Amino acid sequence: MTKLKEKRMELKITQNELAVKSGVQIGTLQKFETGENDISRARVDIVYKLSQALNTTIEELINQ
């Protein structure tokens, strides 16, 4: 399980809720969570938005 999914599940929010809260498209979130796309290679602004929405750090999300 990716750190992104772990953090989202800890907060008990859906992918859709995280997409709305972060402004990141749900398809992008899904690809990160399944490992289809590597979050450590994502644009910094996307990882920043996700980290803010999940109340965590960028480092926490990219260090799998």
PDB file of N, CA and C in Angstrom:
ATOM      1  N   MET A   1       0.849  -1.176   0.000  1.00  0.00           N
ATOM      2  CA  MET A   1       0.000   0.000   0.000  1.00  0.00           C
ATOM      3  C   MET A   1       0.896   1.241   0.000  1.00  0.00           C
ATOM      4  N   THR A   2       0.556   2.195  -0.829  1.00  0.00           N
ATOM      5  CA  THR A   2       1.353   3.418  -0.910  1.00  0.00           C
ATOM      6  C   THR A   2       1.094   4.312   0.296  1.00  0.00           C
ATOM      7  N   LYS A   3       2.051   5.194   0.557  1.00  0.00           N
ATOM      8  CA  LYS A   3       1.892   6.151   1.661  1.00  0.00           C
ATOM      9  C   LYS A   3       0.674   7.046   1.431  1.00  0.00           C
ATOM     10  N   LEU A   4       0.443   7.387   0.185  1.00  0.00           N
ATOM     11  CA  LEU A   4      -0.707   8.230  -0.143  1.00  0.00           C
ATOM     12  C   LEU A   4      -1.997   7.553   0.302  1.00  0.00           C
ATOM     13  N   LYS A   5      -2.148   6.293  -0.052  1.00  0.00           N
ATOM     14  CA  LYS A   5      -3.358   5.563   0.316  1.00  0.00           C
ATOM     15  C   LYS A   5      -3.433   5.373   1.827  1.00  0.00           C
ATOM     16  N   GLU A   6      -2.301   5.069   2.456  1.00  0.00           N
ATOM     17  CA  GLU A   6      -2.280   4.910   3.922  1.00  0.00           C
ATOM     18  C   GLU A   6      -2.773   6.171   4.605  1.00  0.00           C
ATOM     19  N   LYS A   7      -2.232   7.311   4.196  1.00  0.00           N
ATOM     20  CA  LYS A   7      -2.617   8.585   4.808  1.00  0.00           C
ATOM     21  C   LYS A   7      -4.098   8.889   4.568  1.00  0.00           C
ATOM     22  N   ARG A   8      -4.554   8.632   3.348  1.00  0.00           N
ATOM     23  CA  ARG A   8      -5.967   8.890   3.032  1.00  0.00           C
ATOM     24  C   ARG A   8      -6.873   8.022   3.890  1.00  0.00           C
ATOM     25  N   MET A   9      -6.505   6.767   4.047  1.00  0.00           N
ATOM     26  CA  MET A   9      -7.326   5.852   4.836  1.00  0.00           C
ATOM     27  C   MET A   9      -7.279   6.201   6.324  1.00  0.00           C
ATOM     28  N   GLU A  10      -6.139   6.684   6.806  1.00  0.00           N
ATOM     29  CA  GLU A  10      -6.041   7.122   8.206  1.00  0.00           C
ATOM     30  C   GLU A  10      -7.049   8.234   8.494  1.00  0.00           C
ATOM     31  N   LEU A  11      -7.220   9.114   7.515  1.00  0.00           N
ATOM     32  CA  LEU A  11      -8.164  10.222   7.668  1.00  0.00           C
ATOM     33  C   LEU A  11      -9.604   9.831   7.361  1.00  0.00           C
ATOM     34  N   LYS A  12      -9.760   8.583   6.873  1.00  0.00           N
ATOM     35  CA  LYS A  12     -11.092   8.059   6.550  1.00  0.00           C
ATOM     36  C   LYS A  12     -11.819   8.928   5.532  1.00  0.00           C
ATOM     37  N   ILE A  13     -11.084   9.280   4.466  1.00  0.00           N
ATOM     38  CA  ILE A  13     -11.709  10.025   3.385  1.00  0.00           C
ATOM     39  C   ILE A  13     -11.599   9.226   2.089  1.00  0.00           C
ATOM     40  N   THR A  14     -12.526   9.464   1.196  1.00  0.00           N
ATOM     41  CA  THR A  14     -12.543   8.756  -0.082  1.00  0.00           C
ATOM     42  C   THR A  14     -11.584   9.428  -1.064  1.00  0.00           C
ATOM     43  N   GLN A  15     -11.323   8.726  -2.154  1.00  0.00           N
ATOM     44  CA  GLN A  15     -10.502   9.323  -3.203  1.00  0.00           C
ATOM     45  C   GLN A  15     -11.160  10.586  -3.733  1.00  0.00           C
ATOM     46  N   ASN A  16     -12.462  10.543  -3.884  1.00  0.00           N
ATOM     47  CA  ASN A  16     -13.183  11.707  -4.382  1.00  0.00           C
ATOM     48  C   ASN A  16     -13.052  12.890  -3.423  1.00  0.00           C
ATOM     49  N   GLU A  17     -13.172  12.629  -2.134  1.00  0.00           N
ATOM     50  CA  GLU A  17     -13.033  13.700  -1.145  1.00  0.00           C
ATOM     51  C   GLU A  17     -11.629  14.303  -1.185  1.00  0.00           C
ATOM     52  N   LEU A  18     -10.626  13.441  -1.328  1.00  0.00           N
ATOM     53  CA  LEU A  18      -9.249  13.941  -1.408  1.00  0.00           C
ATOM     54  C   LEU A  18      -9.041  14.742  -2.690  1.00  0.00           C
ATOM     55  N   ALA A  19      -9.625  14.299  -3.774  1.00  0.00           N
ATOM     56  CA  ALA A  19      -9.510  15.025  -5.040  1.00  0.00           C
ATOM     57  C   ALA A  19     -10.092  16.435  -4.906  1.00  0.00           C
ATOM     58  N   VAL A  20     -11.250  16.525  -4.291  1.00  0.00           N
ATOM     59  CA  VAL A  20     -11.892  17.836  -4.102  1.00  0.00           C
ATOM     60  C   VAL A  20     -11.065  18.699  -3.157  1.00  0.00           C
ATOM     61  N   LYS A  21     -10.625  18.127  -2.057  1.00  0.00           N
ATOM     62  CA  LYS A  21      -9.878  18.872  -1.040  1.00  0.00           C
ATOM     63  C   LYS A  21      -8.530  19.365  -1.567  1.00  0.00           C
ATOM     64  N   SER A  22      -7.878  18.553  -2.396  1.00  0.00           N
ATOM     65  CA  SER A  22      -6.541  18.899  -2.876  1.00  0.00           C
ATOM     66  C   SER A  22      -6.540  19.614  -4.224  1.00  0.00           C
ATOM     67  N   GLY A  23      -7.610  19.431  -4.995  1.00  0.00           N
ATOM     68  CA  GLY A  23      -7.639  19.998  -6.335  1.00  0.00           C
ATOM     69  C   GLY A  23      -6.887  19.147  -7.349  1.00  0.00           C
ATOM     70  N   VAL A  24      -6.555  17.913  -6.974  1.00  0.00           N
ATOM     71  CA  VAL A  24      -5.857  16.984  -7.864  1.00  0.00           C
ATOM     72  C   VAL A  24      -6.899  16.043  -8.462  1.00  0.00           C
ATOM     73  N   GLN A  25      -6.814  15.798  -9.756  1.00  0.00           N
ATOM     74  CA  GLN A  25      -7.801  14.955 -10.424  1.00  0.00           C
ATOM     75  C   GLN A  25      -7.818  13.546  -9.844  1.00  0.00           C
ATOM     76  N   ILE A  26      -9.006  12.984  -9.744  1.00  0.00           N
ATOM     77  CA  ILE A  26      -9.173  11.664  -9.150  1.00  0.00           C
ATOM     78  C   ILE A  26      -8.406  10.589  -9.922  1.00  0.00           C
ATOM     79  N   GLY A  27      -8.335  10.708 -11.226  1.00  0.00           N
ATOM     80  CA  GLY A  27      -7.580   9.742 -12.023  1.00  0.00           C
ATOM     81  C   GLY A  27      -6.105   9.746 -11.660  1.00  0.00           C
ATOM     82  N   THR A  28      -5.580  10.923 -11.389  1.00  0.00           N
ATOM     83  CA  THR A  28      -4.187  11.054 -10.970  1.00  0.00           C
ATOM     84  C   THR A  28      -3.981  10.378  -9.621  1.00  0.00           C
ATOM     85  N   LEU A  29      -4.898  10.615  -8.691  1.00  0.00           N
ATOM     86  CA  LEU A  29      -4.820   9.976  -7.367  1.00  0.00           C
ATOM     87  C   LEU A  29      -4.835   8.460  -7.491  1.00  0.00           C
ATOM     88  N   GLN A  30      -5.725   7.961  -8.321  1.00  0.00           N
ATOM     89  CA  GLN A  30      -5.852   6.519  -8.494  1.00  0.00           C
ATOM     90  C   GLN A  30      -4.558   5.919  -9.033  1.00  0.00           C
ATOM     91  N   LYS A  31      -3.941   6.593  -9.980  1.00  0.00           N
ATOM     92  CA  LYS A  31      -2.686   6.089 -10.548  1.00  0.00           C
ATOM     93  C   LYS A  31      -1.565   6.098  -9.521  1.00  0.00           C
ATOM     94  N   PHE A  32      -1.540   7.087  -8.653  1.00  0.00           N
ATOM     95  CA  PHE A  32      -0.536   7.105  -7.588  1.00  0.00           C
ATOM     96  C   PHE A  32      -0.790   5.980  -6.586  1.00  0.00           C
ATOM     97  N   GLU A  33      -2.047   5.791  -6.224  1.00  0.00           N
ATOM     98  CA  GLU A  33      -2.381   4.775  -5.225  1.00  0.00           C
ATOM     99  C   GLU A  33      -2.133   3.354  -5.718  1.00  0.00           C
ATOM    100  N   THR A  34      -2.331   3.117  -6.999  1.00  0.00           N
ATOM    101  CA  THR A  34      -2.109   1.773  -7.530  1.00  0.00           C
ATOM    102  C   THR A  34      -0.650   1.541  -7.903  1.00  0.00           C
ATOM    103  N   GLY A  35       0.134   2.610  -7.926  1.00  0.00           N
ATOM    104  CA  GLY A  35       1.531   2.485  -8.302  1.00  0.00           C
ATOM    105  C   GLY A  35       1.754   2.584  -9.796  1.00  0.00           C
ATOM    106  N   GLU A  36       0.692   2.830 -10.550  1.00  0.00           N
ATOM    107  CA  GLU A  36       0.834   2.994 -11.998  1.00  0.00           C
ATOM    108  C   GLU A  36       1.733   4.188 -12.307  1.00  0.00           C
ATOM    109  N   ASN A  37       1.571   5.257 -11.532  1.00  0.00           N
ATOM    110  CA  ASN A  37       2.449   6.422 -11.618  1.00  0.00           C
ATOM    111  C   ASN A  37       3.201   6.552 -10.298  1.00  0.00           C
ATOM    112  N   ASP A  38       4.464   6.912 -10.388  1.00  0.00           N
ATOM    113  CA  ASP A  38       5.319   7.065  -9.204  1.00  0.00           C
ATOM    114  C   ASP A  38       5.174   8.484  -8.665  1.00  0.00           C
ATOM    115  N   ILE A  39       4.675   8.596  -7.448  1.00  0.00           N
ATOM    116  CA  ILE A  39       4.444   9.928  -6.868  1.00  0.00           C
ATOM    117  C   ILE A  39       5.743  10.695  -6.674  1.00  0.00           C
ATOM    118  N   SER A  40       6.851   9.996  -6.523  1.00  0.00           N
ATOM    119  CA  SER A  40       8.127  10.695  -6.344  1.00  0.00           C
ATOM    120  C   SER A  40       8.596  11.367  -7.634  1.00  0.00           C
ATOM    121  N   ARG A  41       7.971  11.038  -8.757  1.00  0.00           N
ATOM    122  CA  ARG A  41       8.312  11.666 -10.035  1.00  0.00           C
ATOM    123  C   ARG A  41       7.237  12.672 -10.474  1.00  0.00           C
ATOM    124  N   ALA A  42       6.277  12.908  -9.604  1.00  0.00           N
ATOM    125  CA  ALA A  42       5.183  13.833  -9.926  1.00  0.00           C
ATOM    126  C   ALA A  42       5.655  15.279  -9.804  1.00  0.00           C
ATOM    127  N   ARG A  43       4.891  16.166 -10.401  1.00  0.00           N
ATOM    128  CA  ARG A  43       5.183  17.595 -10.269  1.00  0.00           C
ATOM    129  C   ARG A  43       5.096  17.989  -8.798  1.00  0.00           C
ATOM    130  N   VAL A  44       5.966  18.870  -8.394  1.00  0.00           N
ATOM    131  CA  VAL A  44       6.037  19.299  -6.995  1.00  0.00           C
ATOM    132  C   VAL A  44       4.719  19.909  -6.532  1.00  0.00           C
ATOM    133  N   ASP A  45       4.071  20.686  -7.382  1.00  0.00           N
ATOM    134  CA  ASP A  45       2.824  21.335  -6.964  1.00  0.00           C
ATOM    135  C   ASP A  45       1.735  20.312  -6.650  1.00  0.00           C
ATOM    136  N   ILE A  46       1.715  19.202  -7.376  1.00  0.00           N
ATOM    137  CA  ILE A  46       0.713  18.165  -7.118  1.00  0.00           C
ATOM    138  C   ILE A  46       0.991  17.488  -5.778  1.00  0.00           C
ATOM    139  N   VAL A  47       2.242  17.128  -5.549  1.00  0.00           N
ATOM    140  CA  VAL A  47       2.596  16.470  -4.286  1.00  0.00           C
ATOM    141  C   VAL A  47       2.365  17.422  -3.113  1.00  0.00           C
ATOM    142  N   TYR A  48       2.652  18.698  -3.316  1.00  0.00           N
ATOM    143  CA  TYR A  48       2.418  19.692  -2.266  1.00  0.00           C
ATOM    144  C   TYR A  48       0.936  19.780  -1.918  1.00  0.00           C
ATOM    145  N   LYS A  49       0.080  19.860  -2.927  1.00  0.00           N
ATOM    146  CA  LYS A  49      -1.367  19.938  -2.681  1.00  0.00           C
ATOM    147  C   LYS A  49      -1.859  18.711  -1.921  1.00  0.00           C
ATOM    148  N   LEU A  50      -1.360  17.534  -2.307  1.00  0.00           N
ATOM    149  CA  LEU A  50      -1.766  16.304  -1.620  1.00  0.00           C
ATOM    150  C   LEU A  50      -1.270  16.295  -0.178  1.00  0.00           C
ATOM    151  N   SER A  51      -0.034  16.726   0.024  1.00  0.00           N
ATOM    152  CA  SER A  51       0.504  16.734   1.382  1.00  0.00           C
ATOM    153  C   SER A  51      -0.284  17.688   2.279  1.00  0.00           C
ATOM    154  N   GLN A  52      -0.668  18.830   1.743  1.00  0.00           N
ATOM    155  CA  GLN A  52      -1.460  19.790   2.517  1.00  0.00           C
ATOM    156  C   GLN A  52      -2.835  19.217   2.850  1.00  0.00           C
ATOM    157  N   ALA A  53      -3.469  18.588   1.884  1.00  0.00           N
ATOM    158  CA  ALA A  53      -4.800  18.020   2.088  1.00  0.00           C
ATOM    159  C   ALA A  53      -4.774  16.873   3.089  1.00  0.00           C
ATOM    160  N   LEU A  54      -3.648  16.158   3.146  1.00  0.00           N
ATOM    161  CA  LEU A  54      -3.522  15.016   4.057  1.00  0.00           C
ATOM    162  C   LEU A  54      -2.815  15.373   5.364  1.00  0.00           C
ATOM    163  N   ASN A  55      -2.496  16.657   5.522  1.00  0.00           N
ATOM    164  CA  ASN A  55      -1.839  17.139   6.737  1.00  0.00           C
ATOM    165  C   ASN A  55      -0.549  16.363   7.025  1.00  0.00           C
ATOM    166  N   THR A  56       0.290  16.247   6.007  1.00  0.00           N
ATOM    167  CA  THR A  56       1.556  15.544   6.135  1.00  0.00           C
ATOM    168  C   THR A  56       2.614  16.291   5.336  1.00  0.00           C
ATOM    169  N   THR A  57       3.800  15.714   5.228  1.00  0.00           N
ATOM    170  CA  THR A  57       4.876  16.363   4.489  1.00  0.00           C
ATOM    171  C   THR A  57       5.056  15.719   3.118  1.00  0.00           C
ATOM    172  N   ILE A  58       5.690  16.447   2.245  1.00  0.00           N
ATOM    173  CA  ILE A  58       6.015  15.905   0.926  1.00  0.00           C
ATOM    174  C   ILE A  58       6.912  14.685   1.092  1.00  0.00           C
ATOM    175  N   GLU A  59       7.893  14.800   1.976  1.00  0.00           N
ATOM    176  CA  GLU A  59       8.834  13.699   2.197  1.00  0.00           C
ATOM    177  C   GLU A  59       8.113  12.424   2.603  1.00  0.00           C
ATOM    178  N   GLU A  60       7.130  12.561   3.457  1.00  0.00           N
ATOM    179  CA  GLU A  60       6.367  11.392   3.929  1.00  0.00           C
ATOM    180  C   GLU A  60       5.658  10.700   2.754  1.00  0.00           C
ATOM    181  N   LEU A  61       5.125  11.481   1.840  1.00  0.00           N
ATOM    182  CA  LEU A  61       4.401  10.892   0.713  1.00  0.00           C
ATOM    183  C   LEU A  61       5.313  10.228  -0.314  1.00  0.00           C
ATOM    184  N   ILE A  62       6.489  10.811  -0.532  1.00  0.00           N
ATOM    185  CA  ILE A  62       7.339  10.264  -1.596  1.00  0.00           C
ATOM    186  C   ILE A  62       8.256   9.148  -1.118  1.00  0.00           C
ATOM    187  N   ASN A  63       8.477   9.032   0.171  1.00  0.00           N
ATOM    188  CA  ASN A  63       9.335   7.968   0.695  1.00  0.00           C
ATOM    189  C   ASN A  63       8.484   6.737   0.961  1.00  0.00           C
ATOM    190  N   GLN A  64       8.481   5.846   0.003  1.00  0.00           N
ATOM    191  CA  GLN A  64       7.616   4.662   0.082  1.00  0.00           C
ATOM    192  C   GLN A  64       8.354   3.551   0.734  1.00  0.00           C
TER     193      GLN A  64
END
